[in-house]
N, C-alpha and C. Protein backbone atom coordinates (compact mmCIF):
# COMPACT_ATOMS: atom_id res chain seq x y z
N ALA A 1 0.84 -1.19 0.00
CA ALA A 1 0.00 0.00 0.00
C ALA A 1 0.88 1.24 0.00
N ALA A 2 0.41 2.27 -0.69
CA ALA A 2 1.17 3.52 -0.76
C ALA A 2 1.12 4.22 0.59
N THR A 3 2.16 4.94 0.90
CA THR A 3 2.23 5.71 2.14
C THR A 3 1.84 7.15 1.84
N ARG A 4 0.81 7.64 2.56
CA ARG A 4 0.38 9.02 2.38
C ARG A 4 1.10 9.91 3.37
N LEU A 5 1.68 11.01 2.88
CA LEU A 5 2.37 11.93 3.76
C LEU A 5 1.36 12.78 4.50
N LEU A 6 1.51 12.87 5.80
CA LEU A 6 0.62 13.68 6.61
C LEU A 6 1.24 15.05 6.81
N SER A 7 0.64 16.05 6.21
CA SER A 7 1.15 17.41 6.32
C SER A 7 0.48 18.08 7.51
N THR A 8 1.27 18.47 8.52
CA THR A 8 0.68 18.97 9.75
C THR A 8 0.84 20.47 9.88
N PRO A 9 -0.19 21.15 10.43
CA PRO A 9 -0.05 22.58 10.70
C PRO A 9 0.86 22.79 11.90
N VAL A 10 1.64 23.85 11.88
CA VAL A 10 2.57 24.09 12.97
C VAL A 10 2.33 25.42 13.67
N SER A 11 1.31 26.16 13.25
CA SER A 11 1.09 27.48 13.82
C SER A 11 0.46 27.38 15.19
N VAL A 12 0.69 28.42 16.01
CA VAL A 12 0.04 28.56 17.30
C VAL A 12 -0.83 29.79 17.23
N THR A 13 -2.10 29.65 17.59
CA THR A 13 -3.04 30.76 17.51
C THR A 13 -2.78 31.72 18.64
N THR A 14 -2.55 32.98 18.29
CA THR A 14 -2.36 34.02 19.29
C THR A 14 -3.14 35.25 18.87
N THR A 15 -3.38 36.13 19.84
CA THR A 15 -4.07 37.37 19.58
C THR A 15 -3.17 38.52 20.01
N ALA A 16 -2.96 39.47 19.12
CA ALA A 16 -2.07 40.58 19.43
C ALA A 16 -2.58 41.35 20.64
N SER A 17 -1.67 41.76 21.50
CA SER A 17 -2.02 42.47 22.72
C SER A 17 -1.79 43.96 22.56
N SER A 18 -2.68 44.76 23.15
CA SER A 18 -2.53 46.20 23.10
C SER A 18 -2.00 46.75 24.42
N THR A 19 -1.66 45.85 25.36
CA THR A 19 -1.19 46.31 26.65
C THR A 19 0.28 46.67 26.58
N ALA A 20 0.73 47.43 27.61
CA ALA A 20 2.12 47.86 27.64
C ALA A 20 3.05 46.67 27.88
N ASP A 21 2.56 45.64 28.57
CA ASP A 21 3.37 44.46 28.85
C ASP A 21 2.55 43.23 28.50
N ALA A 22 2.80 42.69 27.30
CA ALA A 22 2.00 41.57 26.81
C ALA A 22 2.17 40.34 27.67
N LEU A 23 3.37 40.14 28.22
CA LEU A 23 3.61 38.97 29.05
C LEU A 23 2.83 39.07 30.36
N ILE A 24 2.84 40.24 30.98
CA ILE A 24 2.04 40.45 32.20
C ILE A 24 0.57 40.21 31.91
N ASP A 25 0.10 40.67 30.77
CA ASP A 25 -1.30 40.48 30.38
C ASP A 25 -1.64 38.99 30.29
N ALA A 26 -0.75 38.22 29.67
CA ALA A 26 -0.98 36.77 29.56
C ALA A 26 -0.95 36.10 30.92
N ILE A 27 -0.05 36.53 31.79
CA ILE A 27 0.04 35.97 33.14
C ILE A 27 -1.24 36.25 33.91
N ASP A 28 -1.73 37.48 33.81
CA ASP A 28 -2.94 37.86 34.55
C ASP A 28 -4.17 37.08 34.10
N ARG A 29 -4.16 36.59 32.84
CA ARG A 29 -5.31 35.87 32.30
C ARG A 29 -5.19 34.36 32.41
N MET A 30 -4.03 33.83 32.80
CA MET A 30 -3.86 32.38 32.79
C MET A 30 -4.69 31.73 33.90
N ASP A 31 -5.22 30.56 33.59
CA ASP A 31 -6.03 29.79 34.52
C ASP A 31 -5.35 28.44 34.71
N LEU A 32 -4.87 28.17 35.91
CA LEU A 32 -4.05 26.99 36.16
C LEU A 32 -4.78 26.01 37.07
N SER A 33 -4.59 24.73 36.79
CA SER A 33 -5.08 23.66 37.64
C SER A 33 -4.08 22.51 37.57
N PRO A 34 -3.86 21.79 38.68
CA PRO A 34 -2.90 20.68 38.64
C PRO A 34 -3.34 19.55 37.72
N ASN A 35 -4.62 19.52 37.34
CA ASN A 35 -5.13 18.47 36.46
C ASN A 35 -5.18 18.88 35.00
N ASP A 36 -4.64 20.06 34.68
CA ASP A 36 -4.64 20.57 33.31
C ASP A 36 -3.82 19.70 32.37
N ASP A 37 -4.15 19.79 31.07
CA ASP A 37 -3.21 19.35 30.04
C ASP A 37 -2.03 20.32 29.99
N VAL A 38 -0.90 19.82 29.55
CA VAL A 38 0.26 20.66 29.29
C VAL A 38 -0.11 21.65 28.19
N ARG A 39 0.39 22.89 28.25
CA ARG A 39 0.04 23.86 27.21
C ARG A 39 0.98 25.07 27.24
N ARG A 40 1.03 25.76 26.11
CA ARG A 40 1.75 27.03 26.02
C ARG A 40 0.81 28.16 26.39
N ILE A 41 1.24 28.99 27.31
CA ILE A 41 0.43 30.12 27.78
C ILE A 41 0.74 31.38 27.00
N PHE A 42 2.01 31.60 26.71
CA PHE A 42 2.43 32.80 25.96
C PHE A 42 3.44 32.39 24.91
N HIS A 43 3.16 32.80 23.65
CA HIS A 43 4.01 32.41 22.52
C HIS A 43 4.52 33.66 21.82
N GLY A 44 5.51 34.31 22.45
CA GLY A 44 6.08 35.50 21.83
C GLY A 44 6.77 35.20 20.53
N ARG A 45 7.24 33.95 20.35
CA ARG A 45 7.96 33.56 19.15
C ARG A 45 7.10 33.64 17.90
N GLY A 46 5.79 33.73 18.06
CA GLY A 46 4.90 33.79 16.91
C GLY A 46 4.87 35.14 16.22
N GLY A 47 5.49 36.15 16.80
CA GLY A 47 5.59 37.45 16.16
C GLY A 47 4.38 38.34 16.34
N CYS A 48 3.45 37.97 17.23
CA CYS A 48 2.25 38.78 17.44
C CYS A 48 2.43 39.83 18.53
N TYR A 49 3.53 39.79 19.23
CA TYR A 49 3.75 40.69 20.36
C TYR A 49 5.07 41.42 20.19
N PRO A 50 5.08 42.57 19.51
CA PRO A 50 6.34 43.30 19.29
C PRO A 50 7.06 43.58 20.60
N GLY A 51 8.35 43.26 20.62
CA GLY A 51 9.16 43.45 21.81
C GLY A 51 9.19 42.25 22.72
N TYR A 52 8.34 41.25 22.44
CA TYR A 52 8.28 40.06 23.30
C TYR A 52 8.53 38.78 22.49
N GLU A 53 9.17 38.94 21.34
CA GLU A 53 9.42 37.78 20.48
C GLU A 53 10.35 36.75 21.13
N HIS A 54 11.07 37.13 22.15
CA HIS A 54 12.05 36.23 22.76
C HIS A 54 11.50 35.49 23.97
N PHE A 55 10.19 35.57 24.23
CA PHE A 55 9.62 34.93 25.41
C PHE A 55 8.63 33.83 25.08
N THR A 56 8.65 32.78 25.88
CA THR A 56 7.57 31.80 25.93
C THR A 56 7.29 31.50 27.40
N LEU A 57 6.04 31.16 27.69
CA LEU A 57 5.65 30.74 29.03
C LEU A 57 4.82 29.47 28.88
N ASP A 58 5.26 28.40 29.51
CA ASP A 58 4.65 27.08 29.35
C ASP A 58 4.18 26.53 30.68
N TRP A 59 3.11 25.73 30.61
CA TRP A 59 2.54 25.08 31.79
C TRP A 59 2.75 23.58 31.66
N PHE A 60 3.70 23.09 32.46
CA PHE A 60 3.94 21.66 32.59
C PHE A 60 3.48 21.27 34.00
N PRO A 61 2.19 21.09 34.20
CA PRO A 61 1.68 20.90 35.57
C PRO A 61 2.52 19.92 36.38
N PRO A 62 2.90 20.31 37.60
CA PRO A 62 2.51 21.53 38.33
C PRO A 62 3.57 22.64 38.27
N VAL A 63 4.27 22.80 37.15
CA VAL A 63 5.40 23.73 37.06
C VAL A 63 5.21 24.65 35.86
N LEU A 64 5.48 25.93 36.07
CA LEU A 64 5.54 26.89 34.97
C LEU A 64 6.99 27.03 34.51
N LEU A 65 7.16 27.17 33.19
CA LEU A 65 8.49 27.35 32.60
C LEU A 65 8.51 28.65 31.81
N LEU A 66 9.31 29.60 32.25
CA LEU A 66 9.50 30.86 31.54
C LEU A 66 10.82 30.78 30.79
N THR A 67 10.78 30.98 29.47
CA THR A 67 11.98 30.90 28.64
C THR A 67 12.22 32.22 27.94
N SER A 68 13.47 32.68 27.96
CA SER A 68 13.86 33.88 27.22
C SER A 68 15.01 33.53 26.27
N PHE A 69 14.90 34.00 25.03
CA PHE A 69 15.95 33.78 24.05
C PHE A 69 16.91 34.95 23.98
N LYS A 70 16.74 35.92 24.91
CA LYS A 70 17.67 37.03 25.07
C LYS A 70 17.96 37.20 26.56
N ASN A 71 19.09 37.84 26.86
CA ASN A 71 19.36 38.16 28.26
C ASN A 71 18.36 39.19 28.76
N ILE A 72 17.88 39.01 29.98
CA ILE A 72 16.98 39.98 30.59
C ILE A 72 17.57 40.41 31.93
N THR A 73 17.13 41.55 32.42
CA THR A 73 17.64 42.07 33.68
C THR A 73 17.00 41.34 34.85
N ASN A 74 17.69 41.36 35.98
CA ASN A 74 17.11 40.79 37.19
C ASN A 74 15.83 41.50 37.58
N GLU A 75 15.77 42.81 37.30
CA GLU A 75 14.57 43.58 37.62
C GLU A 75 13.37 43.09 36.82
N ASP A 76 13.58 42.82 35.53
CA ASP A 76 12.48 42.33 34.72
C ASP A 76 12.06 40.92 35.13
N LEU A 77 13.04 40.07 35.43
CA LEU A 77 12.70 38.72 35.87
C LEU A 77 11.89 38.77 37.16
N THR A 78 12.28 39.67 38.07
CA THR A 78 11.54 39.82 39.32
C THR A 78 10.12 40.31 39.05
N LYS A 79 9.98 41.26 38.13
CA LYS A 79 8.66 41.80 37.80
C LYS A 79 7.73 40.69 37.31
N TRP A 80 8.22 39.87 36.38
CA TRP A 80 7.36 38.83 35.81
C TRP A 80 7.14 37.69 36.80
N SER A 81 8.16 37.34 37.57
CA SER A 81 7.97 36.27 38.55
C SER A 81 7.01 36.70 39.66
N ASP A 82 7.05 37.97 40.03
CA ASP A 82 6.09 38.47 41.02
C ASP A 82 4.66 38.39 40.48
N ALA A 83 4.49 38.71 39.20
CA ALA A 83 3.16 38.63 38.59
C ALA A 83 2.69 37.17 38.53
N ILE A 84 3.60 36.26 38.21
CA ILE A 84 3.26 34.83 38.18
C ILE A 84 2.87 34.36 39.57
N ASP A 85 3.62 34.77 40.58
CA ASP A 85 3.33 34.36 41.95
C ASP A 85 1.95 34.86 42.39
N ALA A 86 1.62 36.11 42.05
CA ALA A 86 0.32 36.66 42.43
C ALA A 86 -0.82 35.90 41.76
N ARG A 87 -0.65 35.60 40.46
CA ARG A 87 -1.70 34.86 39.76
C ARG A 87 -1.78 33.43 40.26
N TRP A 88 -0.64 32.82 40.59
CA TRP A 88 -0.61 31.46 41.14
C TRP A 88 -1.48 31.39 42.40
N LYS A 89 -1.30 32.37 43.28
CA LYS A 89 -2.06 32.38 44.53
C LYS A 89 -3.55 32.52 44.27
N GLU A 90 -3.93 33.28 43.23
CA GLU A 90 -5.35 33.39 42.88
C GLU A 90 -5.88 32.06 42.35
N CYS A 91 -5.10 31.38 41.51
CA CYS A 91 -5.56 30.14 40.90
C CYS A 91 -5.69 29.02 41.92
N PHE A 92 -4.79 28.99 42.90
CA PHE A 92 -4.77 27.87 43.83
C PHE A 92 -5.24 28.25 45.23
N ALA A 93 -6.03 29.32 45.32
CA ALA A 93 -6.50 29.78 46.62
C ALA A 93 -7.36 28.74 47.32
N THR A 94 -8.06 27.89 46.55
CA THR A 94 -8.96 26.91 47.16
C THR A 94 -8.40 25.50 47.13
N GLU A 95 -7.19 25.32 46.61
CA GLU A 95 -6.58 23.98 46.58
C GLU A 95 -6.06 23.64 47.97
N ASP A 96 -6.28 22.40 48.40
CA ASP A 96 -5.85 22.01 49.74
C ASP A 96 -5.27 20.59 49.75
N ASP A 97 -4.65 20.20 48.61
CA ASP A 97 -4.13 18.84 48.54
C ASP A 97 -2.72 18.71 49.11
N GLY A 98 -2.19 19.81 49.66
CA GLY A 98 -0.87 19.75 50.28
C GLY A 98 0.26 20.02 49.32
N ALA A 99 0.01 19.92 48.03
CA ALA A 99 1.07 20.13 47.04
C ALA A 99 0.82 21.37 46.20
N MET A 100 -0.45 21.72 46.01
CA MET A 100 -0.80 22.86 45.17
C MET A 100 -1.73 23.78 45.95
N ASN A 101 -1.18 24.74 46.63
CA ASN A 101 -2.01 25.73 47.31
C ASN A 101 -1.26 27.05 47.39
N GLN A 102 -1.97 28.09 47.77
CA GLN A 102 -1.36 29.41 47.73
C GLN A 102 -0.27 29.57 48.79
N ASP A 103 -0.25 28.71 49.81
CA ASP A 103 0.75 28.85 50.85
C ASP A 103 2.11 28.29 50.45
N THR A 104 2.11 27.25 49.59
CA THR A 104 3.38 26.65 49.20
C THR A 104 4.13 27.51 48.19
N GLY A 105 3.45 28.43 47.52
CA GLY A 105 4.10 29.28 46.52
C GLY A 105 4.22 28.59 45.18
N MET A 106 4.64 29.36 44.20
CA MET A 106 4.65 28.86 42.82
C MET A 106 5.83 27.93 42.56
N ASN A 107 5.65 27.08 41.56
CA ASN A 107 6.73 26.27 41.01
C ASN A 107 7.12 26.90 39.68
N LEU A 108 8.31 27.49 39.61
CA LEU A 108 8.73 28.22 38.41
C LEU A 108 10.16 27.87 38.04
N VAL A 109 10.34 27.45 36.79
CA VAL A 109 11.66 27.24 36.21
C VAL A 109 11.92 28.35 35.21
N TYR A 110 13.12 28.91 35.24
CA TYR A 110 13.51 29.94 34.27
C TYR A 110 14.65 29.43 33.41
N GLN A 111 14.51 29.58 32.10
CA GLN A 111 15.56 29.17 31.17
C GLN A 111 15.95 30.36 30.29
N CYS A 112 17.27 30.61 30.19
CA CYS A 112 17.79 31.65 29.29
C CYS A 112 18.58 30.97 28.18
N ARG A 113 18.13 31.16 26.94
CA ARG A 113 18.81 30.55 25.81
C ARG A 113 19.77 31.50 25.12
N ALA A 114 20.02 32.65 25.74
CA ALA A 114 20.98 33.59 25.17
C ALA A 114 22.41 33.19 25.48
N THR A 115 22.57 32.26 26.42
CA THR A 115 23.89 31.84 26.84
C THR A 115 24.27 30.50 26.20
N THR A 116 25.56 30.22 26.16
CA THR A 116 26.06 28.92 25.70
C THR A 116 26.98 28.36 26.78
N PRO A 117 26.62 27.25 27.43
CA PRO A 117 25.37 26.51 27.19
C PRO A 117 24.15 27.23 27.77
N THR A 118 22.98 26.73 27.43
CA THR A 118 21.74 27.27 27.96
C THR A 118 21.75 27.22 29.49
N THR A 119 21.23 28.31 30.11
CA THR A 119 21.12 28.37 31.56
C THR A 119 19.70 28.04 31.99
N THR A 120 19.55 27.03 32.81
CA THR A 120 18.23 26.64 33.32
C THR A 120 18.32 26.51 34.83
N LEU A 121 17.38 27.15 35.53
CA LEU A 121 17.42 27.11 36.99
C LEU A 121 16.01 27.02 37.56
N LEU A 122 15.93 26.40 38.73
CA LEU A 122 14.68 26.37 39.48
C LEU A 122 14.57 27.69 40.22
N HIS A 123 13.71 28.56 39.72
CA HIS A 123 13.59 29.91 40.30
C HIS A 123 12.91 29.86 41.65
N SER A 124 11.87 29.04 41.78
CA SER A 124 11.16 28.92 43.06
C SER A 124 10.33 27.65 43.06
N GLY A 125 10.01 27.19 44.27
CA GLY A 125 9.19 26.00 44.40
C GLY A 125 9.98 24.72 44.18
N ALA A 126 9.32 23.74 43.58
CA ALA A 126 9.93 22.42 43.41
C ALA A 126 9.32 21.72 42.21
N LEU A 127 10.05 20.74 41.70
CA LEU A 127 9.53 19.86 40.65
C LEU A 127 8.95 18.60 41.30
N PRO A 128 8.10 17.88 40.58
CA PRO A 128 7.57 16.64 41.14
C PRO A 128 8.69 15.68 41.51
N GLU A 129 8.51 14.96 42.61
CA GLU A 129 9.48 13.94 42.99
C GLU A 129 9.38 12.78 42.01
N GLY A 130 10.53 12.21 41.67
CA GLY A 130 10.53 11.12 40.71
C GLY A 130 10.29 11.63 39.31
N GLN A 131 9.56 10.88 38.50
CA GLN A 131 9.32 11.26 37.12
C GLN A 131 8.26 12.35 37.02
N HIS A 132 8.49 13.28 36.09
CA HIS A 132 7.54 14.37 35.83
C HIS A 132 6.72 13.98 34.60
N ILE A 133 5.48 13.54 34.82
CA ILE A 133 4.60 13.08 33.75
C ILE A 133 3.54 14.13 33.50
N VAL A 134 3.37 14.52 32.24
CA VAL A 134 2.31 15.46 31.86
C VAL A 134 1.43 14.79 30.83
N LYS A 135 0.24 15.39 30.59
CA LYS A 135 -0.68 14.79 29.64
C LYS A 135 -1.16 15.83 28.63
N GLU A 136 -1.53 15.33 27.44
CA GLU A 136 -2.05 16.17 26.36
C GLU A 136 -3.00 15.31 25.53
N ASN A 137 -4.26 15.70 25.48
CA ASN A 137 -5.27 14.95 24.71
C ASN A 137 -5.33 13.47 25.10
N GLY A 138 -5.13 13.19 26.37
CA GLY A 138 -5.18 11.82 26.84
C GLY A 138 -3.87 11.06 26.75
N ASP A 139 -2.88 11.61 26.04
CA ASP A 139 -1.56 10.99 25.93
C ASP A 139 -0.68 11.47 27.08
N GLN A 140 0.21 10.61 27.53
CA GLN A 140 1.11 10.95 28.62
C GLN A 140 2.55 11.05 28.11
N TYR A 141 3.30 12.03 28.68
CA TYR A 141 4.67 12.26 28.26
C TYR A 141 5.56 12.49 29.48
N LEU A 142 6.78 11.99 29.40
CA LEU A 142 7.79 12.23 30.42
C LEU A 142 8.60 13.46 30.02
N VAL A 143 8.67 14.45 30.90
CA VAL A 143 9.43 15.66 30.61
C VAL A 143 10.51 15.86 31.68
N HIS A 144 11.49 16.71 31.35
CA HIS A 144 12.61 16.97 32.26
C HIS A 144 12.99 18.45 32.11
N LEU A 145 12.48 19.30 32.98
CA LEU A 145 12.62 20.75 32.81
C LEU A 145 13.99 21.28 33.18
N LEU A 146 14.76 20.55 33.96
CA LEU A 146 16.06 21.07 34.42
C LEU A 146 17.23 20.40 33.73
N ARG A 147 16.97 19.53 32.76
CA ARG A 147 18.07 18.84 32.09
C ARG A 147 18.08 19.17 30.60
N GLY A 148 19.15 19.80 30.14
CA GLY A 148 19.28 20.09 28.73
C GLY A 148 18.50 21.31 28.28
N GLN A 149 18.59 21.59 26.98
CA GLN A 149 17.93 22.76 26.42
C GLN A 149 16.46 22.51 26.14
N ASN A 150 16.12 21.32 25.65
CA ASN A 150 14.72 20.95 25.38
C ASN A 150 14.23 20.04 26.49
N HIS A 151 12.92 19.84 26.53
CA HIS A 151 12.32 19.25 27.73
C HIS A 151 11.55 17.96 27.47
N GLY A 152 11.55 17.47 26.24
CA GLY A 152 10.87 16.22 25.93
C GLY A 152 9.58 16.38 25.16
N LEU A 153 9.06 17.61 25.10
CA LEU A 153 7.79 17.85 24.39
C LEU A 153 7.75 19.30 23.94
N PHE A 154 7.62 19.52 22.63
CA PHE A 154 7.55 20.88 22.08
C PHE A 154 6.09 21.34 22.10
N LEU A 155 5.78 22.31 22.97
CA LEU A 155 4.38 22.71 23.15
C LEU A 155 3.84 23.53 22.00
N ASP A 156 4.73 24.14 21.19
CA ASP A 156 4.23 24.88 20.04
C ASP A 156 3.77 23.95 18.92
N MET A 157 3.95 22.66 19.08
CA MET A 157 3.50 21.68 18.09
C MET A 157 2.23 20.95 18.53
N ALA A 158 1.55 21.47 19.53
CA ALA A 158 0.35 20.80 20.06
C ALA A 158 -0.73 20.66 18.99
N ASN A 159 -0.94 21.71 18.19
CA ASN A 159 -1.96 21.63 17.14
C ASN A 159 -1.60 20.56 16.11
N GLY A 160 -0.31 20.43 15.83
CA GLY A 160 0.14 19.40 14.89
C GLY A 160 -0.11 18.00 15.42
N ARG A 161 0.16 17.79 16.71
CA ARG A 161 -0.09 16.47 17.29
C ARG A 161 -1.58 16.13 17.28
N THR A 162 -2.42 17.14 17.53
CA THR A 162 -3.87 16.91 17.47
C THR A 162 -4.28 16.52 16.06
N TRP A 163 -3.74 17.21 15.06
CA TRP A 163 -4.08 16.92 13.66
C TRP A 163 -3.66 15.49 13.29
N VAL A 164 -2.45 15.10 13.70
CA VAL A 164 -1.99 13.75 13.40
C VAL A 164 -2.91 12.72 14.04
N ARG A 165 -3.26 12.93 15.28
CA ARG A 165 -4.14 11.98 15.98
C ARG A 165 -5.48 11.85 15.26
N GLU A 166 -5.98 12.95 14.73
CA GLU A 166 -7.29 12.94 14.08
C GLU A 166 -7.25 12.39 12.66
N ASN A 167 -6.07 12.28 12.07
CA ASN A 167 -5.96 11.88 10.67
C ASN A 167 -5.12 10.62 10.44
N ALA A 168 -4.67 9.98 11.49
CA ALA A 168 -3.71 8.88 11.34
C ALA A 168 -4.37 7.50 11.22
N LYS A 169 -5.67 7.40 11.39
CA LYS A 169 -6.30 6.08 11.44
C LYS A 169 -6.01 5.28 10.17
N GLY A 170 -5.44 4.09 10.36
CA GLY A 170 -5.15 3.20 9.26
C GLY A 170 -3.93 3.55 8.44
N GLU A 171 -3.25 4.64 8.77
CA GLU A 171 -2.11 5.10 7.97
C GLU A 171 -0.80 4.48 8.42
N ARG A 172 0.17 4.46 7.51
CA ARG A 172 1.55 4.13 7.83
C ARG A 172 2.30 5.45 7.97
N VAL A 173 2.89 5.69 9.12
CA VAL A 173 3.46 6.99 9.45
C VAL A 173 4.98 6.88 9.61
N LEU A 174 5.70 7.76 8.92
CA LEU A 174 7.15 7.89 9.06
C LEU A 174 7.43 9.19 9.80
N ASN A 175 7.98 9.09 10.99
CA ASN A 175 8.28 10.25 11.82
C ASN A 175 9.77 10.54 11.73
N LEU A 176 10.13 11.56 10.94
CA LEU A 176 11.53 11.96 10.78
C LEU A 176 11.92 12.94 11.88
N PHE A 177 13.16 12.90 12.34
CA PHE A 177 13.63 13.74 13.44
C PHE A 177 12.69 13.58 14.64
N ALA A 178 12.48 12.33 15.05
CA ALA A 178 11.39 11.98 15.96
C ALA A 178 11.59 12.49 17.38
N TYR A 179 12.86 12.77 17.77
CA TYR A 179 13.16 13.25 19.12
C TYR A 179 12.60 12.25 20.14
N THR A 180 11.61 12.62 20.95
CA THR A 180 11.04 11.69 21.93
C THR A 180 9.80 10.97 21.41
N CYS A 181 9.52 11.12 20.11
CA CYS A 181 8.44 10.38 19.43
C CYS A 181 7.04 10.81 19.87
N ALA A 182 6.87 12.07 20.25
CA ALA A 182 5.55 12.54 20.67
C ALA A 182 4.53 12.44 19.54
N PHE A 183 4.95 12.79 18.30
CA PHE A 183 4.03 12.68 17.17
C PHE A 183 3.64 11.23 16.94
N SER A 184 4.56 10.32 17.19
CA SER A 184 4.28 8.90 16.99
C SER A 184 3.24 8.40 18.00
N ILE A 185 3.33 8.89 19.23
CA ILE A 185 2.32 8.54 20.23
C ILE A 185 0.95 9.01 19.78
N SER A 186 0.89 10.25 19.26
CA SER A 186 -0.39 10.77 18.76
C SER A 186 -0.90 9.92 17.60
N ALA A 187 0.00 9.52 16.70
CA ALA A 187 -0.41 8.71 15.55
C ALA A 187 -0.93 7.35 15.98
N LEU A 188 -0.22 6.69 16.88
CA LEU A 188 -0.64 5.37 17.35
C LEU A 188 -1.97 5.44 18.09
N ASN A 189 -2.13 6.44 18.93
CA ASN A 189 -3.39 6.58 19.67
C ASN A 189 -4.52 7.07 18.77
N GLY A 190 -4.16 7.56 17.58
CA GLY A 190 -5.17 7.90 16.59
C GLY A 190 -5.50 6.75 15.65
N GLY A 191 -4.89 5.59 15.88
CA GLY A 191 -5.22 4.40 15.09
C GLY A 191 -4.31 4.12 13.92
N ALA A 192 -3.10 4.67 13.91
CA ALA A 192 -2.17 4.40 12.81
C ALA A 192 -1.87 2.91 12.73
N ALA A 193 -1.75 2.41 11.50
CA ALA A 193 -1.46 0.99 11.30
C ALA A 193 -0.01 0.68 11.64
N GLU A 194 0.88 1.63 11.38
CA GLU A 194 2.30 1.41 11.61
C GLU A 194 2.99 2.76 11.75
N VAL A 195 3.96 2.84 12.66
CA VAL A 195 4.74 4.06 12.85
C VAL A 195 6.22 3.68 12.88
N VAL A 196 7.03 4.39 12.08
CA VAL A 196 8.47 4.20 12.08
C VAL A 196 9.12 5.52 12.50
N ASN A 197 10.03 5.45 13.46
CA ASN A 197 10.70 6.64 13.98
C ASN A 197 12.16 6.69 13.51
N LEU A 198 12.59 7.86 13.06
CA LEU A 198 13.99 8.11 12.73
C LEU A 198 14.41 9.37 13.45
N THR A 199 15.60 9.35 14.06
CA THR A 199 16.09 10.54 14.73
C THR A 199 17.61 10.54 14.66
N TRP A 200 18.21 11.62 15.13
CA TRP A 200 19.66 11.75 15.10
C TRP A 200 20.27 11.09 16.33
N PRO A 201 21.57 10.73 16.26
CA PRO A 201 22.20 10.10 17.43
C PRO A 201 22.23 11.03 18.62
N ALA A 202 22.18 10.46 19.81
CA ALA A 202 22.23 11.26 21.04
C ALA A 202 23.62 11.87 21.20
């Protein structure tokens, strides 16, 4: 049988902000829950926020990841982390499971990709003990926020993984540059007949 190539969309839907600080605006509007799917909260890389093209903010429950592709001042990092902390307390004001509440404070990792090697640090809080497992559309993924430049799952490709899952039934799928094979998981759970992964050496 012939193999049909699955062409996936890679765009992330964003809305241009008219506020003086687009990142603060996104932080103030974010709604967090420990049972959420993993997701991108702010996608400055999409070019919709002039002056904020170097920022992304991601939710890997129960941890937020703020990434900058340029050096930023300590003052700016404090400004945004304070805003995240304030919104965190609003989101988890009623949580009482001992791990996610306003008294324990936020879990925030900061990564700066302007340096070589990349600088990644636990800004506040803690990561889950043992393996850090997140979910997306019912699929589960192992991520590692403090090891290496990438974390095991590219959140700007979420729409693409959804498309593959919805269109893979009965197909033979070749996943090139597979990395951690997230697209392959989506294809298999979407009913793909066969998935082959190719990636570069570690």
